[in-house]
Amino acid sequence: MKIIVCLGNPGVKYKWNRHNAGFLAGDFLISEFNLPQPKKKGNLLFSQSQQFSVIFPQTFMNLSGEAVIPFMKASNCDFNSIIVIHDELEIPFGDIRLKDGGGHKGHNGIRSIMQMGGSGEFKRIRFGIGRPDPSMSVADYVLSDFNKDEKESFPSAMRKVKEIIENSFL
């Protein structure tokens, strides 16, 4: 079984936040792969096919590992069986990049998974959100909503995410 981990913050008020790029990608994948609507299981939502699960931790970003690692263990999966989709400040908006292993680069969701699981050796799909204007804090930026133009470019970026999943993971 493979697990697609989609990082974000639960709740309607966070839906279009930059930090929720992983959740938005997961919603797109569920639609594209015609998966059932996510169900609650412990502290996450999940949808499943015969080949893979798509999970959405409901612990808030900074505690993502508290949902991801127990689900991995219950599914008898190791880090080779997961791919994590998350927002990335160091990449321009809309650029999508695959990374295999490495550090957390200050991303608290990735940090939490690494701390709880004891490893950073897992695939990541990094969804570029760009950096904020120097007058804005990073925390305020990642918790701000995508603007209209960014939202309109989502279908193209999401197709890239799906392509990476199909070609590099499934």
C-alpha atoms as a PDB file:
ATOM      1  CA  MET A   1       0.000   0.000   0.000  1.00  0.00           C
ATOM      2  CA  LYS A   2       1.229   3.503  -0.858  1.00  0.00           C
ATOM      3  CA  ILE A   3       0.257   6.594   1.133  1.00  0.00           C
ATOM      4  CA  ILE A   4      -0.091  10.096  -0.298  1.00  0.00           C
ATOM      5  CA  VAL A   5       0.212  12.482   2.651  1.00  0.00           C
ATOM      6  CA  CYS A   6      -1.380  15.887   2.039  1.00  0.00           C
ATOM      7  CA  LEU A   7      -0.278  18.549   4.516  1.00  0.00           C
ATOM      8  CA  GLY A   8      -2.394  21.488   5.630  1.00  0.00           C
ATOM      9  CA  ASN A   9      -4.491  22.850   8.454  1.00  0.00           C
ATOM     10  CA  PRO A  10      -8.028  21.593   9.126  1.00  0.00           C
ATOM     11  CA  GLY A  11     -11.005  23.906   8.985  1.00  0.00           C
ATOM     12  CA  VAL A  12     -12.843  26.032   6.448  1.00  0.00           C
ATOM     13  CA  LYS A  13     -10.996  29.224   7.411  1.00  0.00           C
ATOM     14  CA  TYR A  14      -7.698  27.705   6.217  1.00  0.00           C
ATOM     15  CA  LYS A  15      -8.969  26.160   2.962  1.00  0.00           C
ATOM     16  CA  TRP A  16      -7.257  28.577   0.529  1.00  0.00           C
ATOM     17  CA  ASN A  17      -4.199  29.361   2.692  1.00  0.00           C
ATOM     18  CA  ARG A  18      -0.814  28.893   1.062  1.00  0.00           C
ATOM     19  CA  HIS A  19       0.032  26.430   3.837  1.00  0.00           C
ATOM     20  CA  ASN A  20      -2.863  24.250   2.607  1.00  0.00           C
ATOM     21  CA  ALA A  21      -1.376  23.514  -0.823  1.00  0.00           C
ATOM     22  CA  GLY A  22      -1.113  19.844   0.206  1.00  0.00           C
ATOM     23  CA  PHE A  23      -4.792  19.625   1.170  1.00  0.00           C
ATOM     24  CA  LEU A  24      -5.803  21.319  -2.095  1.00  0.00           C
ATOM     25  CA  ALA A  25      -3.682  18.867  -4.083  1.00  0.00           C
ATOM     26  CA  GLY A  26      -5.229  15.951  -2.178  1.00  0.00           C
ATOM     27  CA  ASP A  27      -8.749  17.147  -2.982  1.00  0.00           C
ATOM     28  CA  PHE A  28      -7.755  17.347  -6.659  1.00  0.00           C
ATOM     29  CA  LEU A  29      -6.263  13.834  -6.609  1.00  0.00           C
ATOM     30  CA  ILE A  30      -9.366  12.349  -4.969  1.00  0.00           C
ATOM     31  CA  SER A  31     -11.474  13.857  -7.742  1.00  0.00           C
ATOM     32  CA  GLU A  32      -9.094  12.839 -10.560  1.00  0.00           C
ATOM     33  CA  PHE A  33      -8.732   9.253  -9.328  1.00  0.00           C
ATOM     34  CA  ASN A  34     -12.492   8.986  -8.593  1.00  0.00           C
ATOM     35  CA  LEU A  35     -11.872   8.035  -4.973  1.00  0.00           C
ATOM     36  CA  PRO A  36     -14.584   8.096  -2.299  1.00  0.00           C
ATOM     37  CA  GLN A  37     -14.987  11.163  -0.129  1.00  0.00           C
ATOM     38  CA  PRO A  38     -12.523  11.110   2.794  1.00  0.00           C
ATOM     39  CA  LYS A  39     -13.625   9.474   6.044  1.00  0.00           C
ATOM     40  CA  LYS A  40     -12.434  10.252   9.549  1.00  0.00           C
ATOM     41  CA  LYS A  41     -10.048   7.776  11.160  1.00  0.00           C
ATOM     42  CA  GLY A  42      -8.473   8.911  14.410  1.00  0.00           C
ATOM     43  CA  ASN A  43      -6.828  12.291  13.862  1.00  0.00           C
ATOM     44  CA  LEU A  44      -6.908  12.244  10.069  1.00  0.00           C
ATOM     45  CA  LEU A  45      -9.182  12.012   7.060  1.00  0.00           C
ATOM     46  CA  PHE A  46      -8.448   9.365   4.438  1.00  0.00           C
ATOM     47  CA  SER A  47      -9.668   8.047   1.130  1.00  0.00           C
ATOM     48  CA  GLN A  48      -8.487   4.769  -0.277  1.00  0.00           C
ATOM     49  CA  SER A  49      -8.193   2.790  -3.499  1.00  0.00           C
ATOM     50  CA  GLN A  50      -6.800  -0.734  -3.801  1.00  0.00           C
ATOM     51  CA  GLN A  51      -3.410   0.771  -4.656  1.00  0.00           C
ATOM     52  CA  PHE A  52      -3.050   3.765  -2.323  1.00  0.00           C
ATOM     53  CA  SER A  53      -4.490   5.964   0.429  1.00  0.00           C
ATOM     54  CA  VAL A  54      -4.717   9.755   0.408  1.00  0.00           C
ATOM     55  CA  ILE A  55      -4.541  11.162   3.934  1.00  0.00           C
ATOM     56  CA  PHE A  56      -5.141  14.597   5.439  1.00  0.00           C
ATOM     57  CA  PRO A  57      -3.798  15.014   9.007  1.00  0.00           C
ATOM     58  CA  GLN A  58      -6.295  16.904  11.173  1.00  0.00           C
ATOM     59  CA  THR A  59      -3.724  17.834  13.822  1.00  0.00           C
ATOM     60  CA  PHE A  60      -2.710  21.192  12.323  1.00  0.00           C
ATOM     61  CA  MET A  61       0.494  21.493  10.355  1.00  0.00           C
ATOM     62  CA  ASN A  62       2.979  21.609  13.238  1.00  0.00           C
ATOM     63  CA  LEU A  63       1.775  18.248  14.601  1.00  0.00           C
ATOM     64  CA  SER A  64       1.357  16.361  11.308  1.00  0.00           C
ATOM     65  CA  GLY A  65       3.595  13.508  12.451  1.00  0.00           C
ATOM     66  CA  GLU A  66       1.100  12.648  15.203  1.00  0.00           C
ATOM     67  CA  ALA A  67      -1.366  11.583  12.495  1.00  0.00           C
ATOM     68  CA  VAL A  68       0.979  10.365   9.746  1.00  0.00           C
ATOM     69  CA  ILE A  69       3.263   8.010  11.675  1.00  0.00           C
ATOM     70  CA  PRO A  70       0.492   6.014  13.433  1.00  0.00           C
ATOM     71  CA  PHE A  71      -1.345   5.636  10.095  1.00  0.00           C
ATOM     72  CA  MET A  72       1.866   4.402   8.455  1.00  0.00           C
ATOM     73  CA  LYS A  73       2.405   1.860  11.238  1.00  0.00           C
ATOM     74  CA  ALA A  74      -1.215   0.672  11.160  1.00  0.00           C
ATOM     75  CA  SER A  75      -0.874   0.238   7.373  1.00  0.00           C
ATOM     76  CA  ASN A  76       2.423  -1.686   7.762  1.00  0.00           C
ATOM     77  CA  CYS A  77       4.179   0.929   5.628  1.00  0.00           C
ATOM     78  CA  ASP A  78       7.644   2.409   5.877  1.00  0.00           C
ATOM     79  CA  PHE A  79       8.986   5.694   4.517  1.00  0.00           C
ATOM     80  CA  ASN A  80       9.529   4.122   1.067  1.00  0.00           C
ATOM     81  CA  SER A  81       5.737   3.824   0.820  1.00  0.00           C
ATOM     82  CA  ILE A  82       4.848   7.485   1.368  1.00  0.00           C
ATOM     83  CA  ILE A  83       4.995  10.705  -0.586  1.00  0.00           C
ATOM     84  CA  VAL A  84       4.239  13.993   1.187  1.00  0.00           C
ATOM     85  CA  ILE A  85       2.701  16.967  -0.644  1.00  0.00           C
ATOM     86  CA  HIS A  86       3.456  20.313   0.993  1.00  0.00           C
ATOM     87  CA  ASP A  87       3.911  24.029   0.363  1.00  0.00           C
ATOM     88  CA  GLU A  88       7.450  25.287  -0.276  1.00  0.00           C
ATOM     89  CA  LEU A  89       8.638  28.874   0.241  1.00  0.00           C
ATOM     90  CA  GLU A  90      11.917  28.371  -1.646  1.00  0.00           C
ATOM     91  CA  ILE A  91      10.204  27.621  -4.962  1.00  0.00           C
ATOM     92  CA  PRO A  92       8.332  30.196  -7.098  1.00  0.00           C
ATOM     93  CA  PHE A  93       4.553  29.962  -7.011  1.00  0.00           C
ATOM     94  CA  GLY A  94       3.160  27.146  -9.131  1.00  0.00           C
ATOM     95  CA  ASP A  95       6.441  25.313  -9.669  1.00  0.00           C
ATOM     96  CA  ILE A  96       6.122  21.703  -8.584  1.00  0.00           C
ATOM     97  CA  ARG A  97       9.219  19.687  -7.696  1.00  0.00           C
ATOM     98  CA  LEU A  98       9.860  16.152  -6.547  1.00  0.00           C
ATOM     99  CA  LYS A  99      12.421  15.655  -3.806  1.00  0.00           C
ATOM    100  CA  ASP A 100      13.675  12.374  -2.396  1.00  0.00           C
ATOM    101  CA  GLY A 101      14.667  12.639   1.255  1.00  0.00           C
ATOM    102  CA  GLY A 102      16.558  15.440   2.953  1.00  0.00           C
ATOM    103  CA  GLY A 103      15.920  17.875   5.754  1.00  0.00           C
ATOM    104  CA  HIS A 104      12.827  19.858   6.662  1.00  0.00           C
ATOM    105  CA  LYS A 105      14.163  23.318   5.620  1.00  0.00           C
ATOM    106  CA  GLY A 106      12.099  24.907   8.390  1.00  0.00           C
ATOM    107  CA  HIS A 107       8.789  23.380   7.279  1.00  0.00           C
ATOM    108  CA  ASN A 108       7.075  22.414  10.529  1.00  0.00           C
ATOM    109  CA  GLY A 109       4.852  19.722   9.012  1.00  0.00           C
ATOM    110  CA  ILE A 110       7.870  17.935   7.527  1.00  0.00           C
ATOM    111  CA  ARG A 111       9.788  18.492  10.780  1.00  0.00           C
ATOM    112  CA  SER A 112       6.980  16.849  12.770  1.00  0.00           C
ATOM    113  CA  ILE A 113       6.897  13.780  10.506  1.00  0.00           C
ATOM    114  CA  MET A 114      10.680  13.466  10.752  1.00  0.00           C
ATOM    115  CA  GLN A 115      10.681  13.828  14.551  1.00  0.00           C
ATOM    116  CA  MET A 116       7.873  11.318  15.091  1.00  0.00           C
ATOM    117  CA  GLY A 117       9.162   8.848  12.500  1.00  0.00           C
ATOM    118  CA  GLY A 118      12.888   9.215  13.052  1.00  0.00           C
ATOM    119  CA  SER A 119      13.758   9.758   9.389  1.00  0.00           C
ATOM    120  CA  GLY A 120      13.570  12.231   6.550  1.00  0.00           C
ATOM    121  CA  GLU A 121      14.009   9.567   3.896  1.00  0.00           C
ATOM    122  CA  PHE A 122      10.696   9.913   2.104  1.00  0.00           C
ATOM    123  CA  LYS A 123       9.570  11.456  -1.165  1.00  0.00           C
ATOM    124  CA  ARG A 124       8.056  14.932  -1.193  1.00  0.00           C
ATOM    125  CA  ILE A 125       6.151  16.901  -3.779  1.00  0.00           C
ATOM    126  CA  ARG A 126       7.030  20.507  -3.076  1.00  0.00           C
ATOM    127  CA  PHE A 127       4.346  22.953  -4.212  1.00  0.00           C
ATOM    128  CA  GLY A 128       5.995  26.328  -4.755  1.00  0.00           C
ATOM    129  CA  ILE A 129       4.324  29.249  -3.000  1.00  0.00           C
ATOM    130  CA  GLY A 130       7.218  31.731  -3.303  1.00  0.00           C
ATOM    131  CA  ARG A 131       8.502  34.022  -0.592  1.00  0.00           C
ATOM    132  CA  PRO A 132       6.588  36.866   1.037  1.00  0.00           C
ATOM    133  CA  ASP A 133       7.367  40.527   0.593  1.00  0.00           C
ATOM    134  CA  PRO A 134      10.113  41.412   3.142  1.00  0.00           C
ATOM    135  CA  SER A 135       7.594  43.471   5.133  1.00  0.00           C
ATOM    136  CA  MET A 136       5.445  40.365   5.808  1.00  0.00           C
ATOM    137  CA  SER A 137       6.321  37.606   8.250  1.00  0.00           C
ATOM    138  CA  VAL A 138       6.599  34.071   6.904  1.00  0.00           C
ATOM    139  CA  ALA A 139       3.913  32.895   9.362  1.00  0.00           C
ATOM    140  CA  ASP A 140       1.447  35.526   8.150  1.00  0.00           C
ATOM    141  CA  TYR A 141       2.296  34.725   4.527  1.00  0.00           C
ATOM    142  CA  VAL A 142       1.749  30.962   4.722  1.00  0.00           C
ATOM    143  CA  LEU A 143      -1.536  31.539   6.559  1.00  0.00           C
ATOM    144  CA  SER A 144      -2.739  34.046   3.953  1.00  0.00           C
ATOM    145  CA  ASP A 145      -4.978  32.981   1.086  1.00  0.00           C
ATOM    146  CA  PHE A 146      -3.847  32.459  -2.477  1.00  0.00           C
ATOM    147  CA  ASN A 147      -4.877  35.422  -4.618  1.00  0.00           C
ATOM    148  CA  LYS A 148      -7.301  35.242  -7.555  1.00  0.00           C
ATOM    149  CA  ASP A 149      -4.586  34.805 -10.203  1.00  0.00           C
ATOM    150  CA  GLU A 150      -2.905  32.064  -8.188  1.00  0.00           C
ATOM    151  CA  LYS A 151      -6.204  30.222  -7.740  1.00  0.00           C
ATOM    152  CA  GLU A 152      -6.841  30.396 -11.492  1.00  0.00           C
ATOM    153  CA  SER A 153      -3.485  28.734 -12.206  1.00  0.00           C
ATOM    154  CA  PHE A 154      -4.195  25.813  -9.847  1.00  0.00           C
ATOM    155  CA  PRO A 155      -5.483  23.343 -12.473  1.00  0.00           C
ATOM    156  CA  SER A 156      -2.137  23.423 -14.309  1.00  0.00           C
ATOM    157  CA  ALA A 157      -0.120  22.965 -11.110  1.00  0.00           C
ATOM    158  CA  MET A 158      -2.417  20.174  -9.912  1.00  0.00           C
ATOM    159  CA  ARG A 159      -2.016  18.284 -13.187  1.00  0.00           C
ATOM    160  CA  LYS A 160       1.759  18.392 -12.579  1.00  0.00           C
ATOM    161  CA  VAL A 161       1.240  16.948  -9.088  1.00  0.00           C
ATOM    162  CA  LYS A 162      -0.889  14.129 -10.516  1.00  0.00           C
ATOM    163  CA  GLU A 163       1.710  13.424 -13.212  1.00  0.00           C
ATOM    164  CA  ILE A 164       4.487  13.135 -10.616  1.00  0.00           C
ATOM    165  CA  ILE A 165       2.338  10.791  -8.505  1.00  0.00           C
ATOM    166  CA  GLU A 166       1.590   8.567 -11.517  1.00  0.00           C
ATOM    167  CA  ASN A 167       5.143   8.538 -12.916  1.00  0.00           C
ATOM    168  CA  SER A 168       7.280   8.507  -9.764  1.00  0.00           C
ATOM    169  CA  PHE A 169       5.235   6.913  -7.049  1.00  0.00           C
ATOM    170  CA  LEU A 170       2.406   4.600  -8.124  1.00  0.00           C
END
